[in-house]
Amino acid sequence: MAYGTASGPEDIERYYTDIRGGRTPSAELIAELAGRYAAIGNSFPLLEITRRQAGALERELNGGRPDGFRVYLGMKHSAPSIAEGVALMRADGIERAVGLVLAPHYSRLSVGGYIDRAKAAVETEANGWAPSFSFVRSWHDHPLFIEVLAGRIRHALERLDPAERELAAIVFSAHSLPARIAEEGDPYPEQLRETAHLVGVSLGLDETLIAWQSAGRTPEPWLGPDLSNVISELAAAGRSAVVVCACGFVADHLEILYDLDIEAARVARDSGIGFVRTESMNDDPAFIVALAAVVREHLAAGVPTVG
């Protein structure tokens, strides 16, 4: 399961409305989002990348065998929907299912929402068909995922000039969520810190910094510190460059191609500090191997099922 995307400029209003739970955004908000997509060349790559990830995961899980695992796709805010994915599973007679969200850190507001939609779809589809469904809740600390991130950071550091590399700071980022989740005991913030710590240990870093990006446009406070503020503060502290490891995202989409490549890069440039971000995992074979290991270990653990 993945977040979903507008399919093109003409689909932006529909997509934005769905994100807002059916509330149509103002013309100003729609124009702003359309402007962001225009700034990245009206590129909408998430669905195609997610399809490639799903196909690669199926091949990796099956190890070249024609039968075994079948990977279905469900998007939260666009087609094919999670409900449509479950309907296809029913048509194919699937009896055992694993729900895997392409987001490594768990929050009830993020991964929990996908799980709720999948459960609701199973109940709607029932009619005597009740698959055993279990869900991977998080995989933020899986050793193979940590290994992929560490490799991405090494490569990013190599892209800096030697002078920039010496005093470069590494910042781990994920999508911000309403700050109230921290008071509610939601594990999301701590899981980002755990990811950063584990990668830091792997790389022998003296310190690991975390920041939050892409906060929503609502009146309530969102998790901080904001990535843009962190970049400015690092520049003021004399850092030569910042490497952003967007470990909360696993594919190129607006939050990477605009929020980092354009917005965060502009803040760094205006602050007089070098900037580079780690390459997205997309369908990189090493990342797919990590996802397959997550699924296999989940099944081996005998996680209780529902349905």
Protein backbone atom coordinates (compact mmCIF):
# COMPACT_ATOMS: atom_id res chain seq x y z
CA MET A 1 0.00 0.00 0.00
CA ALA A 2 1.18 3.51 -0.82
CA TYR A 3 -0.05 7.08 -0.45
CA GLY A 4 -1.30 7.78 -3.94
CA THR A 5 -0.86 10.66 -6.34
CA ALA A 6 -2.65 12.92 -8.74
CA SER A 7 -2.53 11.36 -12.20
CA GLY A 8 -1.98 14.70 -13.93
CA PRO A 9 -2.69 18.44 -13.66
CA GLU A 10 -6.40 17.86 -14.27
CA ASP A 11 -6.56 15.45 -11.30
CA ILE A 12 -5.00 17.76 -8.69
CA GLU A 13 -8.30 19.08 -7.28
CA ARG A 14 -9.74 15.57 -6.94
CA TYR A 15 -6.56 14.34 -5.27
CA TYR A 16 -6.31 17.29 -2.87
CA THR A 17 -9.98 16.92 -1.94
CA ASP A 18 -9.48 13.23 -1.15
CA ILE A 19 -6.51 14.02 1.09
CA ARG A 20 -8.71 16.52 2.95
CA GLY A 21 -11.35 13.88 3.63
CA GLY A 22 -13.75 15.12 0.97
CA ARG A 23 -13.46 18.84 1.78
CA THR A 24 -12.71 20.79 -1.39
CA PRO A 25 -9.68 23.06 -0.93
CA SER A 26 -9.83 26.72 -1.81
CA ALA A 27 -8.88 27.90 -5.28
CA GLU A 28 -5.73 29.43 -3.75
CA LEU A 29 -4.64 26.13 -2.23
CA ILE A 30 -5.29 24.25 -5.47
CA ALA A 31 -3.31 26.83 -7.42
CA GLU A 32 -0.42 26.55 -4.96
CA LEU A 33 -0.29 22.75 -5.25
CA ALA A 34 -0.59 22.95 -9.04
CA GLY A 35 2.32 25.41 -9.01
CA ARG A 36 4.47 22.94 -7.10
CA TYR A 37 3.76 20.21 -9.62
CA ALA A 38 4.49 22.64 -12.45
CA ALA A 39 7.84 23.44 -10.83
CA ILE A 40 8.86 19.76 -11.15
CA GLY A 41 7.73 19.62 -14.76
CA ASN A 42 4.21 18.35 -14.04
CA SER A 43 5.75 15.03 -13.14
CA PHE A 44 3.57 12.49 -11.31
CA PRO A 45 5.87 9.45 -10.95
CA LEU A 46 4.68 7.80 -7.74
CA LEU A 47 2.20 5.31 -9.23
CA GLU A 48 4.64 4.04 -11.85
CA ILE A 49 7.42 3.72 -9.28
CA THR A 50 5.11 1.88 -6.88
CA ARG A 51 4.09 -0.52 -9.66
CA ARG A 52 7.76 -1.24 -10.31
CA GLN A 53 8.35 -1.81 -6.61
CA ALA A 54 5.42 -4.22 -6.41
CA GLY A 55 6.56 -6.19 -9.47
CA ALA A 56 10.14 -6.38 -8.24
CA LEU A 57 9.00 -7.49 -4.77
CA GLU A 58 6.89 -10.27 -6.25
CA ARG A 59 9.83 -11.54 -8.30
CA GLU A 60 12.18 -11.36 -5.31
CA LEU A 61 9.77 -13.21 -3.00
CA ASN A 62 9.23 -15.97 -5.56
CA GLY A 63 12.91 -16.39 -6.36
CA GLY A 64 12.25 -17.08 -10.04
CA ARG A 65 9.44 -19.56 -9.42
CA PRO A 66 6.24 -18.94 -11.41
CA ASP A 67 3.89 -19.37 -8.45
CA GLY A 68 3.90 -18.50 -4.78
CA PHE A 69 3.61 -14.91 -3.66
CA ARG A 70 1.35 -12.49 -5.52
CA VAL A 71 1.74 -8.79 -4.86
CA TYR A 72 -1.33 -6.56 -5.12
CA LEU A 73 -1.32 -2.77 -5.12
CA GLY A 74 -3.57 -0.38 -3.20
CA MET A 75 -3.23 3.40 -3.02
CA LYS A 76 -4.70 5.49 -0.21
CA HIS A 77 -5.71 8.55 -2.22
CA SER A 78 -5.83 7.43 -5.85
CA ALA A 79 -6.50 4.48 -8.09
CA PRO A 80 -6.03 1.61 -7.78
CA SER A 81 -7.46 1.98 -4.30
CA ILE A 82 -6.84 -0.32 -1.35
CA ALA A 83 -10.42 -1.55 -1.70
CA GLU A 84 -9.79 -2.35 -5.37
CA GLY A 85 -6.68 -4.31 -4.41
CA VAL A 86 -8.64 -6.34 -1.89
CA ALA A 87 -11.37 -6.97 -4.48
CA LEU A 88 -8.78 -8.38 -6.87
CA MET A 89 -7.51 -10.65 -4.11
CA ARG A 90 -11.02 -11.93 -3.60
CA ALA A 91 -11.43 -12.57 -7.33
CA ASP A 92 -8.19 -14.56 -7.30
CA GLY A 93 -9.25 -16.58 -4.26
CA ILE A 94 -6.46 -15.43 -1.99
CA GLU A 95 -6.73 -16.95 1.49
CA ARG A 96 -3.62 -15.59 3.25
CA ALA A 97 -2.58 -11.96 2.95
CA VAL A 98 0.11 -9.67 4.33
CA GLY A 99 -0.46 -5.92 4.36
CA LEU A 100 2.75 -3.94 3.78
CA VAL A 101 2.70 -0.14 3.76
CA LEU A 102 5.54 1.53 1.88
CA ALA A 103 6.35 3.74 4.86
CA PRO A 104 8.91 2.45 7.36
CA HIS A 105 7.75 4.30 10.50
CA TYR A 106 4.44 3.56 12.24
CA SER A 107 1.90 6.13 13.29
CA ARG A 108 -1.78 5.51 13.83
CA LEU A 109 -2.35 8.55 11.59
CA SER A 110 -0.30 7.13 8.73
CA VAL A 111 0.27 3.37 8.62
CA GLY A 112 -2.67 2.85 10.94
CA GLY A 113 -4.94 4.53 8.42
CA TYR A 114 -3.90 2.13 5.67
CA ILE A 115 -4.54 -0.84 7.93
CA ASP A 116 -8.00 0.47 8.80
CA ARG A 117 -8.86 0.83 5.11
CA ALA A 118 -7.68 -2.68 4.32
CA LYS A 119 -9.69 -4.14 7.20
CA ALA A 120 -12.79 -2.23 6.08
CA ALA A 121 -12.34 -3.48 2.52
CA VAL A 122 -12.11 -7.08 3.74
CA GLU A 123 -15.35 -6.66 5.70
CA THR A 124 -17.09 -5.12 2.67
CA GLU A 125 -15.90 -7.89 0.38
CA ALA A 126 -16.71 -10.72 2.82
CA ASN A 127 -19.67 -12.68 1.37
CA GLY A 128 -18.20 -15.86 2.77
CA TRP A 129 -14.66 -14.89 1.80
CA ALA A 130 -12.51 -14.14 4.81
CA PRO A 131 -8.75 -14.18 4.17
CA SER A 132 -6.32 -14.42 7.02
CA PHE A 133 -4.87 -10.90 6.92
CA SER A 134 -1.90 -9.68 8.97
CA PHE A 135 -0.05 -6.39 8.78
CA VAL A 136 3.55 -5.29 8.96
CA ARG A 137 3.33 -2.31 11.29
CA SER A 138 6.82 -0.92 10.87
CA TRP A 139 10.21 -1.84 9.46
CA HIS A 140 12.19 1.27 10.39
CA ASP A 141 14.93 -0.70 12.15
CA HIS A 142 15.38 -3.65 9.81
CA PRO A 143 19.12 -4.24 9.30
CA LEU A 144 18.84 -4.40 5.50
CA PHE A 145 16.88 -1.14 5.40
CA ILE A 146 19.50 0.48 7.62
CA GLU A 147 22.21 -0.85 5.30
CA VAL A 148 20.52 0.69 2.25
CA LEU A 149 20.25 4.07 3.99
CA ALA A 150 23.89 3.98 5.06
CA GLY A 151 24.95 3.30 1.49
CA ARG A 152 22.82 6.18 0.23
CA ILE A 153 24.48 8.56 2.70
CA ARG A 154 27.99 7.44 1.74
CA HIS A 155 27.17 8.11 -1.90
CA ALA A 156 25.67 11.51 -1.08
CA LEU A 157 28.78 12.52 0.86
CA GLU A 158 30.93 11.61 -2.13
CA ARG A 159 28.98 14.12 -4.21
CA LEU A 160 30.09 16.99 -1.97
CA ASP A 161 33.30 18.91 -2.50
CA PRO A 162 36.04 17.74 -0.10
CA ALA A 163 35.89 21.06 1.77
CA GLU A 164 32.12 20.75 2.22
CA ARG A 165 32.34 17.11 3.26
CA GLU A 166 34.58 17.79 6.27
CA LEU A 167 31.99 19.83 8.19
CA ALA A 168 28.84 18.40 6.64
CA ALA A 169 25.86 17.62 8.84
CA ILE A 170 23.57 14.67 8.18
CA VAL A 171 19.88 15.19 8.83
CA PHE A 172 17.27 12.43 8.76
CA SER A 173 13.81 13.57 7.72
CA ALA A 174 10.28 12.21 7.54
CA HIS A 175 6.84 13.64 6.85
CA SER A 176 5.62 15.76 9.73
CA LEU A 177 2.38 14.87 11.52
CA PRO A 178 0.25 16.78 14.04
CA ALA A 179 2.33 17.31 17.20
CA ARG A 180 -0.43 15.89 19.42
CA ILE A 181 0.65 12.35 18.48
CA ALA A 182 3.73 12.72 20.70
CA GLU A 183 1.54 13.42 23.73
CA GLU A 184 -0.63 10.42 22.82
CA GLY A 185 2.34 8.03 22.96
CA ASP A 186 2.45 7.43 19.21
CA PRO A 187 5.77 5.70 18.33
CA TYR A 188 6.35 7.68 15.11
CA PRO A 189 8.84 10.30 16.42
CA GLU A 190 10.83 7.74 18.38
CA GLN A 191 11.02 5.39 15.40
CA LEU A 192 12.56 8.14 13.28
CA ARG A 193 15.13 8.71 16.01
CA GLU A 194 15.83 4.96 16.11
CA THR A 195 16.41 4.86 12.36
CA ALA A 196 18.79 7.81 12.57
CA HIS A 197 20.66 6.26 15.51
CA LEU A 198 21.11 2.89 13.79
CA VAL A 199 22.35 4.45 10.58
CA GLY A 200 24.64 6.69 12.61
CA VAL A 201 26.14 3.67 14.37
CA SER A 202 26.65 1.94 11.01
CA LEU A 203 28.49 4.97 9.62
CA GLY A 204 30.35 5.84 12.81
CA LEU A 205 28.75 9.29 13.01
CA ASP A 206 29.41 11.49 16.03
CA GLU A 207 25.85 12.81 15.98
CA THR A 208 22.55 12.29 14.19
CA LEU A 209 20.00 15.02 13.63
CA ILE A 210 16.33 14.62 12.77
CA ALA A 211 13.92 17.09 11.19
CA TRP A 212 10.39 17.08 9.89
CA GLN A 213 9.24 18.19 6.45
CA SER A 214 6.12 18.70 4.33
CA ALA A 215 3.85 19.69 7.23
CA GLY A 216 0.15 20.02 6.43
CA ARG A 217 -1.77 23.29 6.16
CA THR A 218 -3.86 23.06 9.32
CA PRO A 219 -4.13 25.41 12.34
CA GLU A 220 -2.79 22.87 14.85
CA PRO A 221 0.96 22.53 15.59
CA TRP A 222 2.94 19.91 13.64
CA LEU A 223 6.04 17.98 14.65
CA GLY A 224 9.26 19.98 14.57
CA PRO A 225 11.92 21.09 14.11
CA ASP A 226 11.11 21.94 10.51
CA LEU A 227 13.78 20.93 8.01
CA SER A 228 14.14 24.44 6.58
CA ASN A 229 14.82 25.86 10.03
CA VAL A 230 17.37 23.15 10.77
CA ILE A 231 19.24 23.92 7.53
CA SER A 232 19.39 27.63 8.40
CA GLU A 233 20.57 26.88 11.94
CA LEU A 234 23.30 24.54 10.68
CA ALA A 235 24.56 27.24 8.35
CA ALA A 236 24.59 29.77 11.20
CA ALA A 237 26.57 27.28 13.30
CA GLY A 238 29.30 27.12 10.66
CA ARG A 239 28.49 23.84 8.99
CA SER A 240 29.74 23.61 5.42
CA ALA A 241 26.96 21.44 3.97
CA VAL A 242 23.91 19.41 4.85
CA VAL A 243 23.07 15.92 3.66
CA VAL A 244 19.35 15.18 3.95
CA CYS A 245 18.46 11.52 4.25
CA ALA A 246 14.70 11.44 3.63
CA CYS A 247 14.37 8.05 5.30
CA GLY A 248 10.61 8.40 5.80
CA PHE A 249 10.04 8.23 2.03
CA VAL A 250 10.82 5.32 -0.28
CA ALA A 251 10.06 6.82 -3.72
CA ASP A 252 10.45 10.00 -5.73
CA HIS A 253 7.32 12.15 -5.54
CA LEU A 254 6.32 15.74 -4.71
CA GLU A 255 7.70 15.67 -1.15
CA ILE A 256 11.09 14.77 -2.58
CA LEU A 257 11.17 16.46 -5.99
CA TYR A 258 9.77 19.78 -4.75
CA ASP A 259 10.05 19.96 -0.96
CA LEU A 260 13.70 18.84 -1.01
CA ASP A 261 15.10 19.38 -4.49
CA ILE A 262 13.62 22.87 -4.83
CA GLU A 263 12.47 24.25 -1.48
CA ALA A 264 15.11 22.83 0.89
CA ALA A 265 17.84 23.36 -1.69
CA ARG A 266 16.81 27.03 -1.99
CA VAL A 267 16.96 27.50 1.79
CA ALA A 268 20.46 25.99 1.82
CA ARG A 269 21.58 28.20 -1.05
CA ASP A 270 20.19 31.33 0.60
CA SER A 271 21.92 30.33 3.85
CA GLY A 272 25.26 29.83 2.12
CA ILE A 273 25.51 26.12 2.88
CA GLY A 274 26.00 23.18 0.53
CA PHE A 275 23.07 20.81 0.04
CA VAL A 276 22.61 17.28 -1.22
CA ARG A 277 19.95 14.67 -0.50
CA THR A 278 20.19 10.90 -0.62
CA GLU A 279 18.83 9.18 -3.70
CA SER A 280 15.35 7.69 -3.28
CA MET A 281 15.16 3.93 -2.97
CA ASN A 282 12.49 3.47 -5.65
CA ASP A 283 12.94 -0.07 -7.07
CA ASP A 284 16.64 -0.40 -6.29
CA PRO A 285 17.36 -4.16 -5.95
CA ALA A 286 18.95 -3.77 -2.51
CA PHE A 287 15.81 -2.06 -1.22
CA ILE A 288 13.56 -4.74 -2.73
CA VAL A 289 15.65 -7.43 -1.04
CA ALA A 290 15.10 -5.58 2.26
CA LEU A 291 11.31 -5.47 1.71
CA ALA A 292 11.25 -9.18 0.88
CA ALA A 293 13.12 -9.94 4.10
CA VAL A 294 10.57 -7.87 6.04
CA VAL A 295 7.73 -9.93 4.57
CA ARG A 296 9.42 -13.31 5.10
CA GLU A 297 10.33 -12.50 8.71
CA HIS A 298 6.81 -11.26 9.37
CA LEU A 299 5.39 -14.58 8.18
CA ALA A 300 7.98 -16.61 10.08
CA ALA A 301 7.06 -14.78 13.29
CA GLY A 302 3.48 -16.08 13.05
CA VAL A 303 1.89 -12.67 13.58
CA PRO A 304 -1.81 -13.00 14.56
CA THR A 305 -4.19 -12.56 11.67
CA VAL A 306 -7.57 -10.94 11.26
CA GLY A 307 -10.45 -11.77 8.96
